[in-house]
Amino acid sequence: MTASRRTMLLAAALLCAPLAACGGTPDTASDAETAGPVQRAPVSRPSPTEAAIAPADDAIDAKPAGNAAASHMETANPISCASERGQPAADRLARLCRSVSPATRPPCNAANSCALIEDEIARGCALFDDAADPMPGCDVDPKGEAAAVAVVRRFYSALAAHDYGTAWQQWGNDGPPGQTLDAFRRGYADTRSTKVTIGKVEPGSGGAGSIYQPVPVTVDSVLADGTRQRFFGEYVVRRVNGVDGASADQLRWHIDSATLRAR
């Protein structure tokens, strides 16, 4: 991508606001790695891919760090990416995020959850997807099947980190239909841990200007009282398919629906 082309795209991109809700753009890498945790306000941020950073297998454990019996609601702040994956891995992810994020004050900070950082990587890669040359680090096609599956992975990664704002926004900027962020957060108050396994993904389908990608899952959860539950079903992830006038958010994958049944 030429410098002039990227400058034009940056000028057109939606920037993170309000500034107080975003991670400050550091002058050096060390500043980003030591700054405190920062979370974007759910109603103000244009959502983001998982780019090249994905779990090595199909299972993601959503378990609180430390005392496994603690409920998600007892954690005041999301678990940092540095705590989740270790400082070196979190720093690498944050640097990749800063290289692709269009925000003036991006949340590319190792003190934020890995899910939030990966969400910003996804957003940046999707915004620059139509540029002549893809940016380094944008190795996953933002319009492809892998990017759709990454939304479901990121949803559970955010739950694992108690980052309910980022999990909520995997359904779109306004969250799941008819559910506020507070109600969404309360829904996980009695959940000790959750594990999701992605099944075999078949090609998606189109209709009415949108693309729909089914993502089969098995979800194992443990409640605060030790009760174990298992659910089978699928998420359907959706994006607008190049409709004239569609916003950058509409062109990105987001969870459209979920159908889960108890075993």
Protein backbone atom coordinates (compact mmCIF):
# COMPACT_ATOMS: atom_id res chain seq x y z
CA MET A 1 0.00 0.00 0.00
CA THR A 2 1.39 3.42 -0.95
CA ALA A 3 1.83 6.05 1.74
CA SER A 4 -0.63 8.40 0.03
CA ARG A 5 -3.24 5.65 -0.30
CA ARG A 6 -2.98 4.71 3.36
CA THR A 7 -3.13 8.38 4.38
CA MET A 8 -6.41 8.77 2.47
CA LEU A 9 -7.83 5.64 4.07
CA LEU A 10 -6.77 6.75 7.52
CA ALA A 11 -8.50 10.09 7.00
CA ALA A 12 -11.71 8.31 6.03
CA ALA A 13 -11.63 5.74 8.83
CA LEU A 14 -13.80 6.13 11.90
CA LEU A 15 -11.53 7.05 14.78
CA CYS A 16 -11.92 5.86 18.35
CA ALA A 17 -14.01 8.21 20.51
CA PRO A 18 -14.31 9.44 23.12
CA LEU A 19 -10.56 9.71 23.60
CA ALA A 20 -10.82 9.05 27.32
CA ALA A 21 -12.21 5.60 26.55
CA CYS A 22 -9.31 4.57 24.32
CA GLY A 23 -5.80 3.42 25.00
CA GLY A 24 -3.36 6.28 24.45
CA THR A 25 -1.06 6.03 21.46
CA PRO A 26 2.35 5.43 23.07
CA ASP A 27 5.52 7.19 22.02
CA THR A 28 7.44 3.96 22.48
CA ALA A 29 6.63 0.27 22.67
CA SER A 30 7.53 0.19 26.34
CA ASP A 31 4.91 2.84 27.09
CA ALA A 32 2.21 0.65 25.57
CA GLU A 33 3.41 -2.38 27.47
CA THR A 34 3.29 -0.72 30.88
CA ALA A 35 0.22 1.48 30.60
CA GLY A 36 -2.84 0.58 32.64
CA PRO A 37 -5.81 -1.30 31.23
CA VAL A 38 -8.05 0.70 28.93
CA GLN A 39 -11.43 -0.22 27.48
CA ARG A 40 -13.26 1.44 24.64
CA ALA A 41 -16.81 2.58 25.34
CA PRO A 42 -19.10 -0.07 23.82
CA VAL A 43 -21.48 2.36 22.13
CA SER A 44 -18.78 4.45 20.46
CA ARG A 45 -16.32 2.11 18.86
CA PRO A 46 -16.54 0.74 15.33
CA SER A 47 -15.92 -2.94 15.78
CA PRO A 48 -12.64 -4.94 14.42
CA THR A 49 -10.63 -9.55 12.74
CA GLU A 50 -8.55 -11.74 14.47
CA ALA A 51 -5.97 -11.31 11.71
CA ALA A 52 -3.21 -13.86 12.05
CA ILE A 53 -3.51 -14.35 15.79
CA ALA A 54 -5.77 -17.36 16.46
CA PRO A 55 -5.75 -20.22 18.97
CA ALA A 56 -3.69 -23.20 17.91
CA ASP A 57 -6.62 -25.61 18.20
CA ASP A 58 -10.40 -25.52 18.04
CA ALA A 59 -11.01 -25.32 21.78
CA ILE A 60 -11.03 -22.15 23.85
CA ASP A 61 -11.33 -22.29 27.62
CA ALA A 62 -13.14 -19.37 29.21
CA LYS A 63 -11.95 -19.73 32.79
CA PRO A 64 -11.18 -17.00 35.31
CA ALA A 65 -7.50 -16.68 36.15
CA GLY A 66 -6.48 -17.51 39.69
CA ASN A 67 -9.34 -18.82 41.82
CA ALA A 68 -11.47 -20.90 39.46
CA ALA A 69 -14.44 -20.62 41.80
CA ALA A 70 -14.62 -16.85 41.48
CA SER A 71 -17.50 -15.64 39.34
CA HIS A 72 -16.93 -13.36 36.37
CA MET A 73 -18.84 -10.62 38.14
CA GLU A 74 -16.26 -10.46 40.91
CA THR A 75 -13.56 -9.23 38.53
CA ALA A 76 -13.62 -5.44 38.28
CA ASN A 77 -11.41 -5.24 35.18
CA PRO A 78 -10.85 -7.57 32.24
CA ILE A 79 -7.90 -9.94 32.52
CA SER A 80 -4.99 -8.38 30.68
CA CYS A 81 -3.50 -9.98 27.60
CA ALA A 82 -0.15 -10.03 29.40
CA SER A 83 -1.68 -12.11 32.20
CA GLU A 84 -3.48 -14.38 29.75
CA ARG A 85 -0.64 -15.15 27.33
CA GLY A 86 2.48 -13.77 28.95
CA GLN A 87 4.13 -10.39 28.45
CA PRO A 88 6.22 -11.22 25.33
CA ALA A 89 3.24 -12.64 23.39
CA ALA A 90 1.00 -9.78 24.50
CA ASP A 91 3.61 -7.21 23.47
CA ARG A 92 3.89 -8.78 20.02
CA LEU A 93 0.12 -8.68 19.61
CA ALA A 94 -0.01 -5.05 20.73
CA ARG A 95 2.71 -4.07 18.24
CA LEU A 96 0.86 -5.78 15.41
CA CYS A 97 -2.30 -3.98 16.48
CA ARG A 98 -0.59 -0.58 16.41
CA SER A 99 0.72 -1.29 12.91
CA VAL A 100 -2.78 -1.81 11.46
CA SER A 101 -5.10 0.25 13.69
CA PRO A 102 -6.54 3.44 12.13
CA ALA A 103 -7.54 4.92 15.49
CA THR A 104 -5.80 8.03 16.78
CA ARG A 105 -5.80 6.47 20.26
CA PRO A 106 -6.01 2.73 19.63
CA PRO A 107 -6.64 0.08 22.31
CA CYS A 108 -3.44 -1.71 21.25
CA ASN A 109 -2.17 -2.14 24.78
CA ALA A 110 -0.96 -5.33 26.47
CA ALA A 111 -2.89 -4.28 29.59
CA ASN A 112 -6.18 -4.74 27.68
CA SER A 113 -7.70 -8.13 26.98
CA CYS A 114 -6.30 -10.11 24.07
CA ALA A 115 -9.81 -10.17 22.59
CA LEU A 116 -10.00 -6.38 22.50
CA ILE A 117 -6.57 -6.10 20.86
CA GLU A 118 -7.47 -8.77 18.29
CA ASP A 119 -10.77 -7.03 17.64
CA GLU A 120 -8.91 -3.83 16.77
CA ILE A 121 -6.57 -5.77 14.47
CA ALA A 122 -9.63 -7.19 12.72
CA ARG A 123 -11.15 -3.74 12.34
CA GLY A 124 -7.99 -2.26 10.87
CA CYS A 125 -7.48 -5.11 8.43
CA ALA A 126 -11.11 -4.90 7.30
CA LEU A 127 -10.93 -1.12 6.77
CA PHE A 128 -7.86 -1.45 4.55
CA ASP A 129 -9.04 -4.59 2.77
CA ASP A 130 -9.71 -2.82 -0.54
CA ALA A 131 -6.29 -1.17 -0.67
CA ALA A 132 -3.88 -2.18 -3.43
CA ASP A 133 -1.58 -4.10 -1.11
CA PRO A 134 -2.65 -5.78 2.17
CA MET A 135 -0.87 -4.53 5.24
CA PRO A 136 1.65 -6.84 6.92
CA GLY A 137 -0.15 -8.81 9.62
CA CYS A 138 -3.46 -8.90 7.75
CA ASP A 139 -3.02 -12.51 6.68
CA VAL A 140 -6.68 -13.54 7.04
CA ASP A 141 -9.17 -12.45 4.38
CA PRO A 142 -11.61 -10.16 6.27
CA LYS A 143 -14.41 -11.38 4.01
CA GLY A 144 -13.54 -15.07 4.27
CA GLU A 145 -14.67 -18.03 6.31
CA ALA A 146 -11.71 -17.87 8.71
CA ALA A 147 -12.57 -14.30 9.69
CA ALA A 148 -16.17 -15.36 10.36
CA VAL A 149 -15.06 -18.23 12.61
CA ALA A 150 -12.68 -15.84 14.38
CA VAL A 151 -15.67 -13.79 15.59
CA VAL A 152 -16.98 -16.78 17.56
CA ARG A 153 -13.50 -17.55 18.89
CA ARG A 154 -13.08 -13.93 19.93
CA PHE A 155 -16.48 -13.95 21.63
CA TYR A 156 -15.36 -16.73 23.95
CA SER A 157 -11.87 -15.27 24.35
CA ALA A 158 -13.49 -12.05 25.60
CA LEU A 159 -15.70 -13.99 28.02
CA ALA A 160 -12.61 -15.78 29.32
CA ALA A 161 -11.02 -12.41 30.06
CA HIS A 162 -14.22 -11.01 31.65
CA ASP A 163 -14.20 -8.43 28.86
CA TYR A 164 -17.95 -8.39 28.46
CA GLY A 165 -17.96 -5.22 26.37
CA THR A 166 -15.86 -6.83 23.65
CA ALA A 167 -17.89 -10.07 23.84
CA TRP A 168 -21.14 -8.10 23.61
CA GLN A 169 -19.94 -6.23 20.54
CA GLN A 170 -19.18 -9.40 18.60
CA TRP A 171 -22.94 -9.20 17.96
CA GLY A 172 -22.53 -5.72 16.48
CA ASN A 173 -22.12 -2.28 17.96
CA ASP A 174 -25.48 -2.54 19.72
CA GLY A 175 -24.87 -6.03 21.09
CA PRO A 176 -27.36 -8.94 20.92
CA PRO A 177 -30.87 -7.88 19.84
CA GLY A 178 -32.84 -6.47 22.76
CA GLN A 179 -30.10 -7.07 25.33
CA THR A 180 -28.22 -4.31 27.09
CA LEU A 181 -24.60 -4.68 28.08
CA ASP A 182 -25.58 -4.82 31.77
CA ALA A 183 -28.08 -7.60 31.12
CA PHE A 184 -25.51 -9.47 29.05
CA ARG A 185 -22.95 -9.18 31.85
CA ARG A 186 -25.44 -10.38 34.47
CA GLY A 187 -26.13 -13.44 32.34
CA TYR A 188 -22.63 -14.72 33.12
CA ALA A 189 -22.66 -13.90 36.83
CA ASP A 190 -23.03 -17.54 37.87
CA THR A 191 -20.75 -19.06 35.24
CA ARG A 192 -17.41 -20.30 36.52
CA SER A 193 -15.94 -21.42 33.20
CA THR A 194 -16.89 -22.08 29.60
CA LYS A 195 -15.16 -24.08 26.90
CA VAL A 196 -16.11 -23.84 23.22
CA THR A 197 -15.06 -26.27 20.52
CA ILE A 198 -15.54 -25.33 16.87
CA GLY A 199 -16.91 -28.09 14.66
CA LYS A 200 -16.51 -28.64 10.94
CA VAL A 201 -17.35 -25.44 9.12
CA GLU A 202 -19.25 -25.73 5.85
CA PRO A 203 -19.44 -22.98 3.18
CA GLY A 204 -21.85 -20.18 3.96
CA SER A 205 -24.69 -18.82 1.84
CA GLY A 206 -25.94 -15.47 0.62
CA GLY A 207 -29.29 -13.74 0.55
CA ALA A 208 -30.79 -10.24 0.52
CA GLY A 209 -27.41 -8.57 0.19
CA SER A 210 -25.82 -10.45 3.09
CA ILE A 211 -23.53 -13.44 3.54
CA TYR A 212 -24.32 -15.91 6.34
CA GLN A 213 -21.69 -18.27 7.74
CA PRO A 214 -22.81 -21.06 10.11
CA VAL A 215 -20.25 -21.97 12.79
CA PRO A 216 -21.03 -25.25 14.60
CA VAL A 217 -20.00 -25.36 18.26
CA THR A 218 -20.00 -27.52 21.37
CA VAL A 219 -20.06 -25.52 24.59
CA ASP A 220 -19.13 -27.00 27.96
CA SER A 221 -19.79 -24.83 30.99
CA VAL A 222 -19.40 -25.11 34.75
CA LEU A 223 -21.63 -23.04 37.00
CA ALA A 224 -20.55 -21.47 40.28
CA ASP A 225 -22.11 -24.36 42.24
CA GLY A 226 -20.15 -26.93 40.23
CA THR A 227 -23.00 -27.97 37.93
CA ARG A 228 -21.71 -29.02 34.51
CA GLN A 229 -23.62 -28.30 31.33
CA ARG A 230 -23.07 -29.15 27.66
CA PHE A 231 -24.72 -27.49 24.70
CA PHE A 232 -24.64 -28.23 20.98
CA GLY A 233 -25.64 -25.97 18.13
CA GLU A 234 -24.34 -23.21 15.96
CA TYR A 235 -23.72 -19.53 15.66
CA VAL A 236 -24.59 -17.78 12.42
CA VAL A 237 -22.16 -15.00 11.57
CA ARG A 238 -23.24 -12.37 9.05
CA ARG A 239 -21.85 -9.52 6.99
CA VAL A 240 -23.23 -7.22 4.30
CA ASN A 241 -22.01 -8.23 0.86
CA GLY A 242 -20.77 -5.02 -0.78
CA VAL A 243 -24.09 -3.19 -0.79
CA ASP A 244 -23.79 0.43 -1.89
CA GLY A 245 -23.70 2.75 1.07
CA ALA A 246 -22.87 -0.01 3.58
CA SER A 247 -20.74 1.15 6.49
CA ALA A 248 -17.41 -0.37 7.46
CA ASP A 249 -19.11 -2.04 10.43
CA GLN A 250 -21.81 -3.58 8.24
CA LEU A 251 -19.18 -5.01 5.92
CA ARG A 252 -17.52 -6.83 8.84
CA TRP A 253 -18.59 -10.17 10.21
CA HIS A 254 -20.68 -10.15 13.40
CA ILE A 255 -22.78 -12.74 15.22
CA ASP A 256 -26.32 -12.68 13.84
CA SER A 257 -27.90 -15.51 15.84
CA ALA A 258 -27.14 -18.49 18.05
CA THR A 259 -29.05 -21.75 18.43
CA LEU A 260 -27.83 -23.95 21.28
CA ARG A 261 -29.55 -26.94 22.85
CA ALA A 262 -28.74 -28.87 25.99
CA ARG A 263 -27.41 -32.36 25.55
